[in-house]
Amino acid sequence: MKPREFSGILDKERLEFRDNAELERYYEAKYGQGGYAGGCLLHGINVSQVYHDERHRSALKFLRPAAGEVILDAGCGTGSLAVRIAARCREVRAIDIAGNAFAPAHRAVANVHFRKMNVEALDFPAATFDAIVSVETLEHLINPAVALAEFHRVLNPGGRLVLTYPTVNRTAMGALQRRLGLGRRLNISEHLNEWNYDEVVAAGRAAGFVCTASEGLVFDLGAGFSWLRAKVRLLARPITRLSLAIRWFPRNSAFVTVAFRRP
């Protein structure tokens, strides 16, 4: 599918679902139409894909898959991250609410096992996994706290949980700009909940986890840099690279990766 110029899911009304059955139907229809292939094209840069790849690299860095481990990829989408994890561990269980999300080519990987499953109701016994990774999933859930409780239940004591989460509407720079009347707030229709970095950490702790590490992804440089990136072709790539290079301020980043441990 060809990328669309500044299109995608920004600036639409927020979606609402009565229950997980409606959520399932929506995502199966979405993947039936190509899912998230394409993305947003900016001056020849597929920004969506660049950010997606960075989130996977960051999640892998904190996950640290090891030989002999059994790992859960919760909200796996097409399975591109699951197959990367599988190269470093014994087995990956990959789940998604959309049964048609997983790419057929990834199903051929011997130690990756895909199942259609709601992350709010995991069909696994307690203490099944050595580690869990969930990339850009919690924001799409009706009850993310229930999913975190399920992660705690199925994770071995001492096991690792790695989350990535978009804080795109809740950065420090965004709040400052709104107070000054600069820029504008972007609503993302498919995001059913919206947390900042501190709220992601607090949600993990409330589920019984201990936060061990974190980093920011896509540092919010402010409305001026966003305008320059959109308007000046020669600046689009260096500004994108600069925003990705600043990892030390998760409170002002559009995405965060947070690592937890189950005591």
Protein backbone atom coordinates (compact mmCIF):
# COMPACT_ATOMS: atom_id res chain seq x y z
CA MET A 1 0.00 0.00 0.00
CA LYS A 2 1.38 3.39 -1.01
CA PRO A 3 2.08 5.86 1.84
CA ARG A 4 -0.33 8.78 2.01
CA GLU A 5 0.86 12.35 2.38
CA PHE A 6 0.05 13.47 5.94
CA SER A 7 -2.77 11.03 6.35
CA GLY A 8 -3.51 8.28 8.80
CA ILE A 9 -5.52 8.47 12.01
CA LEU A 10 -4.76 12.01 13.19
CA ASP A 11 -7.43 14.66 13.75
CA LYS A 12 -10.44 12.37 13.53
CA GLU A 13 -13.07 12.05 16.24
CA ARG A 14 -12.08 9.61 18.97
CA LEU A 15 -13.48 6.16 18.36
CA GLU A 16 -15.73 4.56 20.96
CA PHE A 17 -16.43 0.88 21.51
CA ARG A 18 -19.15 -0.59 23.70
CA ASP A 19 -17.18 -3.77 24.36
CA ASN A 20 -14.26 -5.89 23.19
CA ALA A 21 -16.42 -7.62 20.59
CA GLU A 22 -16.80 -4.28 18.80
CA LEU A 23 -13.07 -3.63 19.23
CA GLU A 24 -12.30 -7.02 17.66
CA ARG A 25 -14.56 -6.38 14.68
CA TYR A 26 -12.97 -2.98 14.09
CA TYR A 27 -9.38 -4.27 14.04
CA GLU A 28 -10.18 -7.33 11.95
CA ALA A 29 -11.82 -5.02 9.41
CA LYS A 30 -8.80 -2.71 9.57
CA TYR A 31 -6.28 -5.51 8.95
CA GLY A 32 -8.56 -6.88 6.25
CA GLN A 33 -8.03 -3.56 4.45
CA GLY A 34 -4.24 -3.56 4.85
CA GLY A 35 -3.83 -2.61 8.51
CA TYR A 36 -1.16 0.01 9.14
CA ALA A 37 0.73 -0.51 5.88
CA GLY A 38 1.49 2.77 4.17
CA GLY A 39 1.80 5.28 6.97
CA CYS A 40 2.48 9.02 6.70
CA LEU A 41 4.88 10.30 4.06
CA LEU A 42 6.71 13.58 4.70
CA HIS A 43 9.03 14.88 1.98
CA GLY A 44 9.84 11.31 0.97
CA ILE A 45 10.31 10.08 4.55
CA ASN A 46 7.87 7.46 5.80
CA VAL A 47 7.74 8.95 9.30
CA SER A 48 5.35 6.29 10.58
CA GLN A 49 7.76 3.50 9.60
CA VAL A 50 10.80 5.32 11.02
CA TYR A 51 9.09 5.73 14.39
CA HIS A 52 7.74 2.16 14.28
CA ASP A 53 11.24 0.76 13.71
CA GLU A 54 12.65 2.87 16.57
CA ARG A 55 10.01 1.58 18.96
CA HIS A 56 10.90 -2.01 18.07
CA ARG A 57 14.63 -1.36 18.54
CA SER A 58 14.00 0.27 21.89
CA ALA A 59 11.72 -2.55 23.07
CA LEU A 60 14.30 -5.16 22.09
CA LYS A 61 17.05 -3.27 23.93
CA PHE A 62 15.11 -3.37 27.19
CA LEU A 63 13.60 -6.84 26.68
CA ARG A 64 16.99 -8.56 26.30
CA PRO A 65 15.66 -11.93 25.03
CA ALA A 66 17.81 -14.87 26.12
CA ALA A 67 18.18 -18.47 24.98
CA GLY A 68 15.78 -20.78 26.78
CA GLU A 69 13.21 -18.07 27.52
CA VAL A 70 9.52 -18.14 26.62
CA ILE A 71 8.30 -14.64 25.78
CA LEU A 72 4.85 -13.17 25.14
CA ASP A 73 4.32 -10.50 22.47
CA ALA A 74 1.00 -9.00 23.57
CA GLY A 75 -0.73 -7.07 20.80
CA CYS A 76 1.66 -8.38 18.15
CA GLY A 77 0.04 -6.97 15.01
CA THR A 78 1.73 -8.42 11.94
CA GLY A 79 4.32 -10.23 14.05
CA SER A 80 7.38 -8.35 12.81
CA LEU A 81 8.70 -7.85 16.34
CA ALA A 82 7.82 -11.41 17.38
CA VAL A 83 10.05 -12.92 14.70
CA ARG A 84 12.95 -10.68 15.74
CA ILE A 85 12.54 -11.80 19.35
CA ALA A 86 12.26 -15.45 18.29
CA ALA A 87 15.80 -15.38 16.88
CA ARG A 88 17.13 -14.83 20.42
CA CYS A 89 14.93 -17.04 22.64
CA ARG A 90 13.34 -20.48 22.84
CA GLU A 91 9.75 -19.59 22.03
CA VAL A 92 7.50 -16.59 21.38
CA ARG A 93 3.78 -16.64 21.93
CA ALA A 94 2.26 -13.85 19.85
CA ILE A 95 -1.31 -12.70 20.40
CA ASP A 96 -3.61 -10.08 18.93
CA ILE A 97 -7.33 -9.35 19.12
CA ALA A 98 -7.42 -9.39 15.31
CA GLY A 99 -7.09 -12.96 14.08
CA ASN A 100 -6.06 -11.75 10.62
CA ALA A 101 -3.32 -9.37 11.84
CA PHE A 102 -0.40 -11.82 11.81
CA ALA A 103 1.46 -11.90 8.48
CA PRO A 104 1.36 -15.31 6.74
CA ALA A 105 5.15 -15.28 6.21
CA HIS A 106 5.73 -14.96 9.96
CA ARG A 107 3.59 -18.00 10.70
CA ALA A 108 6.31 -20.14 9.12
CA VAL A 109 8.82 -19.30 11.89
CA ALA A 110 9.02 -22.52 13.89
CA ASN A 111 9.33 -21.05 17.39
CA VAL A 112 6.66 -18.35 16.98
CA HIS A 113 3.11 -19.37 17.83
CA PHE A 114 0.30 -16.96 17.03
CA ARG A 115 -3.13 -17.03 18.68
CA LYS A 116 -6.09 -14.72 18.40
CA MET A 117 -6.57 -13.46 21.95
CA ASN A 118 -7.65 -10.40 23.91
CA VAL A 119 -4.84 -9.14 26.13
CA GLU A 120 -7.41 -8.32 28.80
CA ALA A 121 -8.24 -12.04 29.13
CA LEU A 122 -5.08 -14.08 28.62
CA ASP A 123 -5.70 -17.80 28.12
CA PHE A 124 -2.43 -18.85 29.77
CA PRO A 125 -1.71 -20.33 33.21
CA ALA A 126 -0.09 -18.20 35.89
CA ALA A 127 3.69 -17.79 35.71
CA THR A 128 3.97 -18.94 32.09
CA PHE A 129 6.41 -16.37 30.67
CA ASP A 130 9.92 -15.18 31.38
CA ALA A 131 9.23 -11.82 29.72
CA ILE A 132 6.40 -9.89 28.08
CA VAL A 133 6.61 -7.13 25.50
CA SER A 134 3.69 -4.95 24.48
CA VAL A 135 4.37 -2.29 21.87
CA GLU A 136 1.76 0.42 21.21
CA THR A 137 -1.09 -1.70 22.59
CA LEU A 138 -2.30 -0.35 25.94
CA GLU A 139 -3.62 2.85 24.37
CA HIS A 140 -5.95 0.79 22.16
CA LEU A 141 -7.56 -1.08 25.06
CA ILE A 142 -10.85 -0.50 26.79
CA ASN A 143 -9.42 -1.56 30.17
CA PRO A 144 -5.61 -1.26 30.14
CA ALA A 145 -5.38 -1.81 33.91
CA VAL A 146 -6.97 -5.24 33.42
CA ALA A 147 -4.33 -6.09 30.81
CA LEU A 148 -1.53 -5.05 33.19
CA ALA A 149 -3.01 -7.26 35.91
CA GLU A 150 -3.07 -10.14 33.43
CA PHE A 151 0.57 -9.50 32.51
CA HIS A 152 1.45 -9.70 36.20
CA ARG A 153 -0.45 -12.98 36.57
CA VAL A 154 1.17 -14.81 33.64
CA LEU A 155 4.71 -13.49 34.21
CA ASN A 156 7.19 -15.50 36.26
CA PRO A 157 8.41 -13.91 39.51
CA GLY A 158 11.44 -11.83 38.56
CA GLY A 159 10.19 -11.68 34.96
CA ARG A 160 10.41 -8.60 32.74
CA LEU A 161 7.67 -6.48 31.20
CA VAL A 162 8.53 -3.95 28.47
CA LEU A 163 5.95 -1.43 27.31
CA THR A 164 6.04 1.26 24.70
CA TYR A 165 3.35 3.90 24.85
CA PRO A 166 2.56 7.08 22.88
CA THR A 167 2.41 10.19 25.07
CA VAL A 168 1.98 12.36 21.99
CA ASN A 169 -0.77 14.51 23.53
CA ARG A 170 0.80 14.76 26.97
CA THR A 171 4.37 16.02 26.53
CA ALA A 172 5.75 18.88 28.64
CA MET A 173 6.38 20.94 25.49
CA GLY A 174 2.83 20.38 24.32
CA ALA A 175 1.42 21.57 27.64
CA LEU A 176 3.61 24.69 27.55
CA GLN A 177 2.59 25.48 23.98
CA ARG A 178 -1.10 25.16 24.85
CA ARG A 179 -0.67 27.56 27.77
CA LEU A 180 1.00 30.02 25.40
CA GLY A 181 -1.64 29.50 22.73
CA LEU A 182 0.83 27.94 20.30
CA GLY A 183 0.40 24.81 18.21
CA ARG A 184 -2.62 22.57 18.50
CA ARG A 185 -3.65 19.39 20.22
CA LEU A 186 -3.74 16.25 18.07
CA ASN A 187 -6.39 13.69 18.88
CA ILE A 188 -5.71 10.15 17.69
CA SER A 189 -8.97 8.38 17.07
CA GLU A 190 -7.87 4.84 17.91
CA HIS A 191 -6.32 5.75 21.26
CA LEU A 192 -8.92 4.95 23.89
CA ASN A 193 -6.78 6.13 26.79
CA GLU A 194 -4.11 8.78 27.07
CA TRP A 195 -1.29 8.73 29.64
CA ASN A 196 1.86 10.73 30.11
CA TYR A 197 5.14 9.11 31.13
CA ASP A 198 4.47 9.35 34.86
CA GLU A 199 1.04 7.78 34.42
CA VAL A 200 2.52 4.85 32.47
CA VAL A 201 4.95 4.22 35.34
CA ALA A 202 2.19 4.62 37.92
CA ALA A 203 -0.07 2.16 36.08
CA GLY A 204 2.68 -0.44 36.06
CA ARG A 205 3.36 0.04 39.75
CA ALA A 206 -0.36 -0.19 40.55
CA ALA A 207 -0.37 -3.60 38.84
CA GLY A 208 2.43 -4.79 41.13
CA PHE A 209 5.49 -4.12 38.97
CA VAL A 210 8.73 -2.32 39.77
CA CYS A 211 9.99 0.17 37.17
CA THR A 212 13.62 -0.59 36.29
CA ALA A 213 14.46 1.57 33.26
CA SER A 214 12.96 3.87 30.66
CA GLU A 215 13.75 6.14 27.75
CA GLY A 216 12.02 8.69 25.61
CA LEU A 217 11.45 8.27 21.89
CA VAL A 218 10.70 11.14 19.50
CA PHE A 219 11.57 14.14 21.68
CA ASP A 220 9.02 16.94 21.34
CA LEU A 221 11.08 19.78 19.88
CA GLY A 222 8.11 22.15 19.76
CA ALA A 223 5.74 23.68 17.24
CA GLY A 224 8.46 25.68 15.48
CA PHE A 225 10.51 22.62 14.62
CA SER A 226 7.37 20.75 13.55
CA TRP A 227 6.50 23.61 11.20
CA LEU A 228 10.03 23.68 9.75
CA ARG A 229 10.03 19.92 9.22
CA ALA A 230 6.72 20.11 7.38
CA LYS A 231 7.59 23.15 5.26
CA VAL A 232 11.32 22.81 4.49
CA ARG A 233 12.23 19.61 2.66
CA LEU A 234 15.97 19.84 3.44
CA LEU A 235 15.24 20.04 7.18
CA ALA A 236 12.76 17.15 7.37
CA ARG A 237 15.35 14.40 7.76
CA PRO A 238 17.78 16.16 10.17
CA ILE A 239 14.93 17.33 12.43
CA THR A 240 13.51 13.79 12.50
CA ARG A 241 16.96 12.41 13.38
CA LEU A 242 17.45 15.03 16.10
CA SER A 243 14.11 14.21 17.72
CA LEU A 244 15.08 10.53 17.80
CA ALA A 245 18.55 11.18 19.20
CA ILE A 246 17.32 12.77 22.45
CA ARG A 247 16.41 9.79 24.68
CA TRP A 248 16.98 11.13 28.21
CA PHE A 249 13.72 13.02 28.76
CA PRO A 250 10.76 10.63 28.62
CA ARG A 251 8.45 13.28 30.11
CA ASN A 252 8.86 15.32 26.93
CA SER A 253 8.84 12.54 24.34
CA ALA A 254 5.99 11.53 22.06
CA PHE A 255 6.67 7.84 22.79
CA VAL A 256 8.27 6.15 25.78
CA THR A 257 9.67 2.70 26.46
CA VAL A 258 9.34 1.58 30.08
CA ALA A 259 10.81 -1.63 31.53
CA PHE A 260 9.30 -3.25 34.62
CA ARG A 261 10.10 -6.29 36.73
CA ARG A 262 7.66 -8.50 38.58
CA PRO A 263 9.00 -8.90 42.16
